[in-house]
Protein backbone atom coordinates (compact mmCIF):
# COMPACT_ATOMS: atom_id res chain seq x y z
CA MET A 1 9.31 -33.25 12.41
CA SER A 2 6.08 -34.19 14.13
CA ARG A 3 4.03 -31.74 15.18
CA ALA A 4 5.72 -28.46 13.19
CA GLU A 5 7.81 -27.86 9.75
CA TRP A 6 10.89 -26.06 9.14
CA ALA A 7 9.45 -23.21 6.00
CA GLY A 8 12.58 -22.84 5.01
CA PRO A 9 15.67 -21.40 5.95
CA GLY A 10 15.30 -18.01 7.69
CA ARG A 11 11.82 -18.92 8.85
CA ALA A 12 10.07 -19.97 11.54
CA PRO A 13 8.95 -23.55 11.94
CA VAL A 14 5.19 -23.32 11.22
CA ALA A 15 2.35 -25.76 12.56
CA ARG A 16 1.44 -28.82 9.90
CA SER A 17 -1.87 -29.61 9.82
CA GLN A 18 -4.47 -30.75 7.30
CA SER A 19 -6.98 -28.15 8.76
CA PRO A 20 -7.54 -24.44 7.34
CA LEU A 21 -5.22 -23.31 11.20
CA TRP A 22 -2.08 -24.32 9.26
CA GLY A 23 -2.89 -22.16 6.63
CA LEU A 24 -3.45 -18.99 9.54
CA GLY A 25 0.42 -20.33 10.93
CA LEU A 26 1.64 -19.97 7.50
CA LEU A 27 0.07 -16.73 6.82
CA ARG A 28 1.44 -15.90 10.28
CA SER A 29 5.15 -16.97 9.41
CA GLU A 30 4.72 -15.28 6.16
CA LEU A 31 4.29 -11.62 7.75
CA VAL A 32 6.61 -12.15 10.32
CA THR A 33 9.20 -13.28 8.16
CA THR A 34 7.98 -9.95 5.74
CA LEU A 35 8.13 -7.77 8.67
CA ARG A 36 11.35 -8.62 9.85
CA ARG A 37 13.91 -8.20 6.64
CA ARG A 38 15.50 -4.91 6.58
CA ARG A 39 14.03 -4.11 3.35
CA THR A 40 10.84 -3.86 4.63
CA LEU A 41 11.61 -1.91 7.81
CA ALA A 42 13.80 0.60 5.71
CA LEU A 43 10.76 0.90 3.25
CA LEU A 44 8.15 1.46 5.83
CA ALA A 45 11.50 3.93 7.52
CA VAL A 46 10.90 6.08 4.75
CA LEU A 47 7.48 6.10 4.00
CA ALA A 48 6.97 7.27 7.78
CA ALA A 49 9.86 10.44 7.11
CA VAL A 50 7.78 11.81 4.12
CA PRO A 51 5.38 13.21 6.34
CA ILE A 52 7.96 13.88 9.03
CA LEU A 53 9.59 15.96 6.03
CA VAL A 54 6.39 17.52 4.64
CA GLY A 55 5.47 19.10 8.52
CA ILE A 56 8.86 20.19 9.25
CA ALA A 57 8.92 21.89 6.06
CA VAL A 58 5.20 22.94 6.33
CA LYS A 59 6.27 24.90 9.73
CA MET A 60 9.75 26.24 8.41
CA GLU A 61 8.13 28.45 5.84
CA THR A 62 4.94 29.32 7.71
CA GLY A 63 7.09 30.57 10.69
CA ASP A 64 5.00 29.94 14.08
CA GLY A 65 2.29 27.92 12.12
CA SER A 66 -0.36 30.71 11.82
CA GLY A 67 -0.17 31.86 8.39
CA GLY A 68 3.17 33.42 7.87
CA ARG A 69 4.87 34.47 4.84
CA GLY A 70 4.10 30.80 3.21
CA GLY A 71 0.10 31.01 4.07
CA GLY A 72 -1.24 32.18 1.36
CA GLY A 73 0.51 30.13 -1.55
CA GLY A 74 0.92 26.21 -2.53
CA PRO A 75 -2.15 23.62 -2.25
CA ALA A 76 -4.78 24.03 -0.61
CA PHE A 77 -4.83 21.13 1.31
CA ILE A 78 -1.18 22.27 2.61
CA THR A 79 -2.16 25.74 3.10
CA GLN A 80 -4.58 24.48 5.79
CA ILE A 81 -2.41 22.02 7.63
CA THR A 82 -0.92 25.78 9.50
CA ASN A 83 -4.68 25.66 10.56
CA ASN A 84 -5.35 22.04 11.55
CA GLY A 85 -2.85 19.07 11.78
CA LEU A 86 -5.56 16.85 10.32
CA PHE A 87 -4.52 18.35 7.05
CA LEU A 88 -1.36 16.51 7.62
CA VAL A 89 -2.51 13.29 7.24
CA PHE A 90 -4.55 14.20 3.94
CA THR A 91 -1.56 15.79 2.44
CA ALA A 92 0.89 13.07 3.06
CA LEU A 93 -1.31 10.43 2.09
CA ALA A 94 -1.06 11.99 -1.31
CA ALA A 95 2.06 12.85 -1.64
CA THR A 96 3.04 9.00 -1.15
CA LEU A 97 0.38 7.66 -3.38
CA PRO A 98 1.60 8.24 -6.23
CA PHE A 99 5.21 6.80 -5.88
CA PHE A 100 6.08 6.05 -2.75
CA LEU A 101 3.27 3.60 -1.57
CA PRO A 102 3.04 2.14 -5.34
CA MET A 103 7.16 1.29 -5.09
CA ALA A 104 6.52 -0.60 -1.49
CA VAL A 105 3.80 -2.46 -2.45
CA GLY A 106 5.79 -3.70 -5.71
CA VAL A 107 8.98 -4.44 -3.84
CA ILE A 108 7.06 -6.23 -1.65
CA ALA A 109 4.20 -8.00 -4.00
CA GLY A 110 7.56 -8.17 -6.86
CA ASP A 111 9.93 -10.20 -4.34
CA ALA A 112 6.55 -12.45 -3.06
CA ILE A 113 7.02 -15.98 -5.46
CA ALA A 114 10.47 -14.58 -7.24
CA GLY A 115 12.49 -14.36 -4.32
CA GLU A 116 11.33 -17.67 -2.53
CA GLY A 117 12.59 -18.87 -6.24
CA ASN A 118 16.00 -17.01 -5.95
CA SER A 119 17.23 -18.13 -1.79
CA GLY A 120 15.83 -21.25 -2.47
CA THR A 121 13.24 -21.85 -0.17
CA LEU A 122 10.39 -22.09 -2.42
CA ARG A 123 10.84 -25.96 -2.86
CA TYR A 124 10.66 -26.32 0.90
CA LEU A 125 7.34 -24.46 1.41
CA LEU A 126 5.54 -26.25 -1.53
CA VAL A 127 6.76 -29.00 0.84
CA ALA A 128 3.95 -28.11 2.98
CA PRO A 129 0.63 -30.04 2.98
CA ALA A 130 -1.16 -26.52 1.77
CA GLY A 131 -0.18 -26.66 -2.02
CA ARG A 132 0.75 -24.37 -4.17
CA THR A 133 -3.01 -22.28 -4.20
CA ARG A 134 -2.78 -21.82 -0.16
CA LEU A 135 0.70 -20.59 -0.75
CA LEU A 136 0.28 -18.27 -2.99
CA LEU A 137 -2.91 -16.70 -1.34
CA VAL A 138 -1.20 -16.24 1.98
CA LYS A 139 1.55 -14.27 -0.16
CA TYR A 140 -1.32 -12.02 -1.25
CA ALA A 141 -3.08 -11.83 2.11
CA THR A 142 0.86 -10.97 3.02
CA THR A 143 1.15 -8.67 0.36
CA MET A 144 -2.24 -7.14 1.11
CA ALA A 145 -1.44 -7.06 4.69
CA PHE A 146 1.56 -4.96 4.08
CA CYS A 147 -0.33 -2.59 1.73
CA LEU A 148 -2.38 -1.94 4.77
CA ILE A 149 0.36 -1.17 6.98
CA ALA A 150 2.29 1.05 4.99
CA THR A 151 -0.72 3.05 4.60
CA LEU A 152 -1.36 2.95 8.51
CA VAL A 153 2.60 3.87 9.04
CA VAL A 154 2.03 7.01 6.84
CA ALA A 155 -1.38 8.23 8.61
CA VAL A 156 -0.03 7.78 12.13
CA SER A 157 2.94 9.51 11.24
CA ALA A 158 1.41 12.18 10.34
CA LEU A 159 -1.49 12.99 12.84
CA VAL A 160 1.62 12.56 15.21
CA MET A 161 3.71 15.19 13.35
CA GLY A 162 0.30 17.14 12.90
CA ALA A 163 -0.60 17.45 16.62
CA LEU A 164 3.07 18.13 17.77
CA LEU A 165 3.66 21.00 15.20
CA PHE A 166 0.64 22.65 14.46
CA PRO A 167 -3.27 22.69 16.34
CA LEU A 168 -5.35 20.43 16.43
CA GLY A 169 -9.90 20.50 16.08
CA ASP A 170 -12.63 21.01 14.56
CA LEU A 171 -12.25 21.15 10.32
CA THR A 172 -13.68 22.65 7.11
CA THR A 173 -14.20 20.66 4.56
CA ILE A 174 -13.78 20.48 0.33
CA SER A 175 -17.76 21.37 0.42
CA GLY A 176 -16.83 24.44 3.59
CA THR A 177 -19.03 22.97 5.74
CA ARG A 178 -17.55 22.29 9.27
CA ILE A 179 -17.07 18.89 10.97
CA SER A 180 -15.49 17.65 14.69
CA LEU A 181 -12.27 16.62 15.43
CA ALA A 182 -13.68 12.77 16.11
CA ASP A 183 -15.25 12.87 12.61
CA GLY A 184 -12.04 14.21 10.82
CA LEU A 185 -10.09 11.60 12.17
CA GLY A 186 -13.19 9.31 11.82
CA ARG A 187 -12.12 9.87 8.03
CA ALA A 188 -8.89 10.20 8.35
CA LEU A 189 -8.62 6.75 8.80
CA LEU A 190 -11.32 5.89 6.45
CA ILE A 191 -8.75 7.45 4.19
CA ALA A 192 -6.13 5.67 5.22
CA LEU A 193 -8.70 2.38 4.27
CA VAL A 194 -9.72 3.36 0.39
CA VAL A 195 -5.82 4.30 0.21
CA ALA A 196 -4.82 0.99 1.56
CA ALA A 197 -7.47 -0.44 -0.90
CA SER A 198 -6.47 1.06 -4.01
CA LEU A 199 -3.06 -0.82 -4.17
CA ILE A 200 -4.55 -4.49 -4.18
CA GLY A 201 -5.00 -4.18 -8.15
CA LEU A 202 -0.87 -3.66 -7.85
CA ALA A 203 -0.55 -6.08 -4.97
CA ALA A 204 -1.58 -8.40 -7.83
CA LEU A 205 -0.08 -7.12 -11.14
CA GLY A 206 3.18 -7.54 -8.66
CA LEU A 207 2.62 -11.15 -7.61
CA PHE A 208 1.60 -11.93 -11.38
CA VAL A 209 5.13 -10.65 -12.24
CA SER A 210 6.54 -12.53 -9.24
CA THR A 211 4.91 -16.00 -10.57
CA LEU A 212 7.23 -15.17 -14.04
CA THR A 213 10.82 -15.39 -13.04
CA ASN A 214 13.47 -16.48 -10.22
CA SER A 215 14.77 -13.08 -9.83
CA GLY A 216 13.42 -11.24 -7.33
CA ILE A 217 15.13 -7.54 -8.54
CA ALA A 218 13.78 -8.24 -11.56
CA ALA A 219 10.37 -8.78 -10.36
CA MET A 220 10.09 -5.83 -8.15
CA ALA A 221 12.13 -3.68 -11.03
CA THR A 222 9.77 -4.78 -13.52
CA THR A 223 6.64 -4.18 -11.20
CA VAL A 224 7.86 -0.70 -9.85
CA GLY A 225 8.30 0.09 -13.89
CA LEU A 226 5.03 -0.43 -14.41
CA VAL A 227 3.11 1.87 -12.08
CA ILE A 228 5.65 4.30 -12.84
CA THR A 229 4.55 4.32 -17.02
CA VAL A 230 1.46 3.46 -16.10
CA GLN A 231 1.22 6.79 -14.08
CA ILE A 232 2.92 8.74 -17.23
CA LEU A 233 0.51 7.11 -19.62
CA ASP A 234 -2.46 8.65 -17.23
CA GLN A 235 -1.33 11.73 -18.23
CA ILE A 236 -1.03 11.69 -21.89
CA PRO A 237 -4.23 13.45 -22.99
CA GLN A 238 -4.53 11.69 -26.15
CA LEU A 239 -4.61 8.49 -24.00
CA HIS A 240 -8.32 9.95 -22.29
CA ALA A 241 -10.35 6.82 -23.15
CA LEU A 242 -8.24 4.46 -21.75
CA GLN A 243 -7.65 6.11 -18.77
CA PRO A 244 -10.19 5.29 -16.70
CA TYR A 245 -8.80 1.61 -17.64
CA PHE A 246 -5.25 2.28 -15.53
CA PHE A 247 -5.32 1.32 -12.26
CA PRO A 248 -3.75 4.30 -11.28
CA HIS A 249 -6.51 6.31 -12.58
CA TYR A 250 -9.27 7.36 -9.40
CA TRP A 251 -6.09 6.46 -6.85
CA LEU A 252 -6.66 10.49 -5.70
CA SER A 253 -10.46 10.15 -5.59
CA PHE A 254 -10.34 9.55 -1.65
CA ALA A 255 -9.79 13.23 -1.69
CA ASP A 256 -14.14 12.80 -2.20
CA LEU A 257 -14.30 11.70 1.46
CA MET A 258 -13.31 15.00 2.82
CA ARG A 259 -16.40 16.53 0.69
CA ASP A 260 -20.06 16.77 2.60
CA PRO A 261 -22.07 15.30 1.49
CA VAL A 262 -19.31 12.66 0.50
CA TYR A 263 -18.59 11.87 -3.39
CA TRP A 264 -18.43 8.60 -3.69
CA ASP A 265 -19.18 7.81 -7.49
CA ASP A 266 -14.83 7.58 -8.08
CA LEU A 267 -14.17 6.05 -5.20
CA ALA A 268 -16.42 3.18 -6.04
CA ARG A 269 -15.48 2.83 -9.97
CA ASN A 270 -11.96 2.93 -7.99
CA LEU A 271 -12.40 0.35 -6.03
CA GLY A 272 -14.82 -1.81 -8.51
CA LEU A 273 -11.55 -1.54 -10.62
CA GLN A 274 -8.71 -2.82 -7.80
CA ALA A 275 -10.92 -5.67 -7.72
CA LEU A 276 -11.25 -6.47 -11.71
CA TYR A 277 -7.03 -5.64 -12.30
CA ALA A 278 -7.02 -7.60 -8.60
CA ALA A 279 -9.47 -10.68 -10.04
CA VAL A 280 -7.66 -10.89 -13.37
CA PHE A 281 -3.82 -10.56 -12.13
CA GLY A 282 -4.83 -13.03 -9.37
CA SER A 283 -6.31 -15.36 -11.78
CA ALA A 284 -3.07 -14.87 -14.07
CA ALA A 285 -0.58 -15.63 -11.15
CA TRP A 286 -2.95 -18.32 -9.83
CA ALA A 287 -2.71 -19.92 -13.63
CA ARG A 288 0.91 -19.70 -14.02
CA PHE A 289 2.32 -20.37 -10.39
CA THR A 290 0.22 -23.91 -10.65
CA THR A 291 1.91 -24.60 -13.86
CA LYS A 292 5.08 -23.52 -13.22
CA ASP A 293 8.20 -26.06 -13.05
CA ILE A 294 9.28 -25.39 -9.36
CA THR A 295 13.41 -26.71 -10.12
CA ALA A 296 14.89 -24.15 -7.41
């Protein structure tokens, strides 16, 4: 091909050029390929269904949504959903962050390199002039984009269900102050961005695992297994000295964005920890991938 090169079986042609724009073309092709996979669509469908199920369950429990027989119990976010549907966004993110979102990201990250090796397309990708480093960066950028897309799917689904089932309006923060709906929507968007950023360390870890094997299933299972294992360890009191260094430890710190004023300490620790994990495991993935013998 003179002006385009086939990126492998089942992929769209990618512009072949030495300029950085070629990398953008590869990124666009990788995003399209990832988002078109049935596995990815199934993961996004599950994530979108969680807020729907939570909203319907709360609606049924509270009858007409004005309190009902369930208005006096349950977690604070859930009991406040009946008064303001915007709280469904916060509840859905809190419900999906411990397992569903990490599982989805673990699947995408674990399959990033190993899946290509297993399907025999990795060598096709490496024929391109980008080289291994740029390919790895594209894979990581695609995984981070998926983190954002998956988080926004949860948030948008929750916002739509909250608006359909419950009233929207000014809301009360955790600190007890009242803020406008516009301010609440702004905070909901900021929370979604923080949740997406909370997954970048896991994305780098999954990418590193993906460079260690040519089995996509093994890489995905290992990454998801690590998430579950670390979260279990994070609940063991005897490990309290180590727990601040576990990547999920500060995941739920996004709730501090619902305080007035906002508490930034744990949020900063969370983002700093994710950046550290991204740097360490991203470097490890690069070191492994650039020296790996590609045979498939």
